[in-house]
Amino acid sequence: MSITRHHTNQRMSQIVIHGDTIYLAGQVAADASADITIQTQQVLQKIDTLLAEAGSDKNKILSAQIWIASMGHFAQMNEVWDAWVADGHAPARACIEARLATPDLLVEVGIVAAV
C-alpha cells in the first residue's frame, strides 16, 4: 500500500495518507494571541482545509486528539467543537490538558480520518 505525504519538511508532514486513512499533524491556531474560542475556530478551519486537500471532510473523521493548555477552557472549546461536528458524525475523541509548544497556544488538535 502506498504512502503519500503533503506539506512535508525534515521534521514532519501535515498530511499522511496510507490506503484509505488520512493522518493530520497536530494543528494549532494561526493567531496565538487570540482567545480559546478563536483559536479553536482557526484550528478547525485548518483541519477542514487539510481534509479537503486529502479528499475527505470532517464527517469522515475517525478519531480526534485534543490538547488544551487548561481544562478551564474545556467548555469554550467544546462550544466551538460541538457547533462544528455534524449530528451523527462525532468521532472517537480524547481531550488532554497539556503544555503546548508555546505558552500562547491554547489548543491543538490531531486527526485521523477516512478518505
C-alpha atoms as a PDB file:
ATOM      1  CA  MET A   1       0.000   0.000   0.000  1.00  0.00           C
ATOM      2  CA  SER A   2       1.365   3.406  -0.909  1.00  0.00           C
ATOM      3  CA  ILE A   3       2.032   6.269   1.458  1.00  0.00           C
ATOM      4  CA  THR A   4       1.518   9.861   0.281  1.00  0.00           C
ATOM      5  CA  ARG A   5       2.802  12.872   2.211  1.00  0.00           C
ATOM      6  CA  HIS A   6       1.808  16.533   1.792  1.00  0.00           C
ATOM      7  CA  HIS A   7       3.402  19.712   3.177  1.00  0.00           C
ATOM      8  CA  THR A   8       6.477  17.792   4.245  1.00  0.00           C
ATOM      9  CA  ASN A   9       9.639  19.137   5.793  1.00  0.00           C
ATOM     10  CA  GLN A  10      12.542  17.439   7.546  1.00  0.00           C
ATOM     11  CA  ARG A  11      10.586  17.131  10.787  1.00  0.00           C
ATOM     12  CA  MET A  12       7.026  16.266   9.773  1.00  0.00           C
ATOM     13  CA  SER A  13       4.240  16.120   7.211  1.00  0.00           C
ATOM     14  CA  GLN A  14       0.962  17.976   7.660  1.00  0.00           C
ATOM     15  CA  ILE A  15      -0.926  15.180   5.853  1.00  0.00           C
ATOM     16  CA  VAL A  16      -0.034  11.495   5.502  1.00  0.00           C
ATOM     17  CA  ILE A  17      -2.324   9.219   3.514  1.00  0.00           C
ATOM     18  CA  HIS A  18      -1.935   5.445   3.808  1.00  0.00           C
ATOM     19  CA  GLY A  19      -4.508   3.408   1.951  1.00  0.00           C
ATOM     20  CA  ASP A  20      -7.890   4.867   2.833  1.00  0.00           C
ATOM     21  CA  THR A  21      -6.714   6.542   6.044  1.00  0.00           C
ATOM     22  CA  ILE A  22      -5.618  10.169   6.475  1.00  0.00           C
ATOM     23  CA  TYR A  23      -3.432  11.304   9.355  1.00  0.00           C
ATOM     24  CA  LEU A  24      -3.120  15.013  10.080  1.00  0.00           C
ATOM     25  CA  ALA A  25      -0.351  16.523  12.155  1.00  0.00           C
ATOM     26  CA  GLY A  26      -1.477  18.383  15.258  1.00  0.00           C
ATOM     27  CA  GLN A  27      -2.961  21.713  14.166  1.00  0.00           C
ATOM     28  CA  VAL A  28      -2.643  24.945  16.135  1.00  0.00           C
ATOM     29  CA  ALA A  29      -4.114  28.417  15.652  1.00  0.00           C
ATOM     30  CA  ALA A  30      -2.556  30.920  13.267  1.00  0.00           C
ATOM     31  CA  ASP A  31      -3.112  33.677  15.857  1.00  0.00           C
ATOM     32  CA  ALA A  32      -1.724  32.526  19.197  1.00  0.00           C
ATOM     33  CA  SER A  33      -2.766  35.830  20.780  1.00  0.00           C
ATOM     34  CA  ALA A  34      -6.467  35.010  20.284  1.00  0.00           C
ATOM     35  CA  ASP A  35      -8.738  33.545  22.942  1.00  0.00           C
ATOM     36  CA  ILE A  36      -9.659  29.850  23.116  1.00  0.00           C
ATOM     37  CA  THR A  37     -12.805  30.327  21.006  1.00  0.00           C
ATOM     38  CA  ILE A  38     -10.953  31.976  18.109  1.00  0.00           C
ATOM     39  CA  GLN A  39      -8.012  29.585  18.375  1.00  0.00           C
ATOM     40  CA  THR A  40     -10.364  26.583  18.226  1.00  0.00           C
ATOM     41  CA  GLN A  41     -12.178  28.052  15.207  1.00  0.00           C
ATOM     42  CA  GLN A  42      -8.853  28.615  13.432  1.00  0.00           C
ATOM     43  CA  VAL A  43      -7.681  25.075  14.176  1.00  0.00           C
ATOM     44  CA  LEU A  44     -10.915  23.541  12.876  1.00  0.00           C
ATOM     45  CA  GLN A  45     -10.721  25.653   9.710  1.00  0.00           C
ATOM     46  CA  LYS A  46      -7.193  24.369   9.096  1.00  0.00           C
ATOM     47  CA  ILE A  47      -8.458  20.813   9.586  1.00  0.00           C
ATOM     48  CA  ASP A  48     -11.283  21.425   7.086  1.00  0.00           C
ATOM     49  CA  THR A  49      -8.750  22.726   4.543  1.00  0.00           C
ATOM     50  CA  LEU A  50      -6.298  19.847   5.003  1.00  0.00           C
ATOM     51  CA  LEU A  51      -9.021  17.196   4.861  1.00  0.00           C
ATOM     52  CA  ALA A  52     -10.397  18.708   1.640  1.00  0.00           C
ATOM     53  CA  GLU A  53      -6.903  18.626   0.144  1.00  0.00           C
ATOM     54  CA  ALA A  54      -6.660  14.944   1.094  1.00  0.00           C
ATOM     55  CA  GLY A  55     -10.062  14.158  -0.468  1.00  0.00           C
ATOM     56  CA  SER A  56     -12.078  13.939   2.736  1.00  0.00           C
ATOM     57  CA  ASP A  57     -14.098  16.076   5.138  1.00  0.00           C
ATOM     58  CA  LYS A  58     -14.974  16.397   8.810  1.00  0.00           C
ATOM     59  CA  ASN A  59     -17.809  13.866   8.513  1.00  0.00           C
ATOM     60  CA  LYS A  60     -15.203  11.158   7.859  1.00  0.00           C
ATOM     61  CA  ILE A  61     -13.091  11.832  10.956  1.00  0.00           C
ATOM     62  CA  LEU A  62     -12.451   8.582  12.808  1.00  0.00           C
ATOM     63  CA  SER A  63     -10.643   9.953  15.847  1.00  0.00           C
ATOM     64  CA  ALA A  64      -9.501  13.257  17.302  1.00  0.00           C
ATOM     65  CA  GLN A  65      -6.922  14.015  19.943  1.00  0.00           C
ATOM     66  CA  ILE A  66      -7.320  17.421  21.532  1.00  0.00           C
ATOM     67  CA  TRP A  67      -4.716  19.008  23.754  1.00  0.00           C
ATOM     68  CA  ILE A  68      -5.726  22.132  25.687  1.00  0.00           C
ATOM     69  CA  ALA A  69      -3.476  24.272  27.847  1.00  0.00           C
ATOM     70  CA  SER A  70      -6.061  24.414  30.646  1.00  0.00           C
ATOM     71  CA  MET A  71      -9.187  22.424  31.433  1.00  0.00           C
ATOM     72  CA  GLY A  72     -10.567  25.844  32.357  1.00  0.00           C
ATOM     73  CA  HIS A  73     -11.003  26.293  28.575  1.00  0.00           C
ATOM     74  CA  PHE A  74     -12.809  22.962  28.118  1.00  0.00           C
ATOM     75  CA  ALA A  75     -16.364  24.366  27.944  1.00  0.00           C
ATOM     76  CA  GLN A  76     -15.497  27.152  25.476  1.00  0.00           C
ATOM     77  CA  MET A  77     -13.515  24.774  23.247  1.00  0.00           C
ATOM     78  CA  ASN A  78     -16.416  22.301  23.299  1.00  0.00           C
ATOM     79  CA  GLU A  79     -18.901  25.007  22.239  1.00  0.00           C
ATOM     80  CA  VAL A  80     -16.910  25.554  19.055  1.00  0.00           C
ATOM     81  CA  TRP A  81     -16.280  21.830  18.547  1.00  0.00           C
ATOM     82  CA  ASP A  82     -19.945  20.899  19.048  1.00  0.00           C
ATOM     83  CA  ALA A  83     -21.084  23.504  16.509  1.00  0.00           C
ATOM     84  CA  TRP A  84     -18.531  22.149  14.007  1.00  0.00           C
ATOM     85  CA  VAL A  85     -19.285  18.413  14.290  1.00  0.00           C
ATOM     86  CA  ALA A  86     -22.397  17.377  12.380  1.00  0.00           C
ATOM     87  CA  ASP A  87     -25.042  15.324  14.197  1.00  0.00           C
ATOM     88  CA  GLY A  88     -24.313  11.627  13.868  1.00  0.00           C
ATOM     89  CA  HIS A  89     -20.672  12.173  12.830  1.00  0.00           C
ATOM     90  CA  ALA A  90     -18.895  12.558  16.175  1.00  0.00           C
ATOM     91  CA  PRO A  91     -15.501  10.801  16.087  1.00  0.00           C
ATOM     92  CA  ALA A  92     -13.823   8.874  18.859  1.00  0.00           C
ATOM     93  CA  ARG A  93     -12.146  11.625  20.871  1.00  0.00           C
ATOM     94  CA  ALA A  94      -9.738  12.307  23.706  1.00  0.00           C
ATOM     95  CA  CYS A  95      -9.077  15.679  25.333  1.00  0.00           C
ATOM     96  CA  ILE A  96      -5.992  16.133  27.453  1.00  0.00           C
ATOM     97  CA  GLU A  97      -4.653  19.094  29.395  1.00  0.00           C
ATOM     98  CA  ALA A  98      -1.063  19.662  28.297  1.00  0.00           C
ATOM     99  CA  ARG A  99       1.651  22.263  27.974  1.00  0.00           C
ATOM    100  CA  LEU A 100       1.758  23.170  24.272  1.00  0.00           C
ATOM    101  CA  ALA A 101       4.709  24.297  22.129  1.00  0.00           C
ATOM    102  CA  THR A 102       4.436  27.933  23.252  1.00  0.00           C
ATOM    103  CA  PRO A 103       2.601  29.449  26.230  1.00  0.00           C
ATOM    104  CA  ASP A 104       0.234  31.437  23.967  1.00  0.00           C
ATOM    105  CA  LEU A 105      -1.142  28.333  22.249  1.00  0.00           C
ATOM    106  CA  LEU A 106      -4.311  27.176  23.969  1.00  0.00           C
ATOM    107  CA  VAL A 107      -5.435  24.225  21.822  1.00  0.00           C
ATOM    108  CA  GLU A 108      -4.003  21.678  19.394  1.00  0.00           C
ATOM    109  CA  VAL A 109      -5.951  19.014  17.512  1.00  0.00           C
ATOM    110  CA  GLY A 110      -4.693  15.850  15.789  1.00  0.00           C
ATOM    111  CA  ILE A 111      -6.992  13.982  13.396  1.00  0.00           C
ATOM    112  CA  VAL A 112      -7.283  10.536  11.810  1.00  0.00           C
ATOM    113  CA  ALA A 113      -9.904  10.333   9.054  1.00  0.00           C
ATOM    114  CA  ALA A 114     -11.119   8.087   6.265  1.00  0.00           C
ATOM    115  CA  VAL A 115     -10.663   9.114   2.630  1.00  0.00           C
END
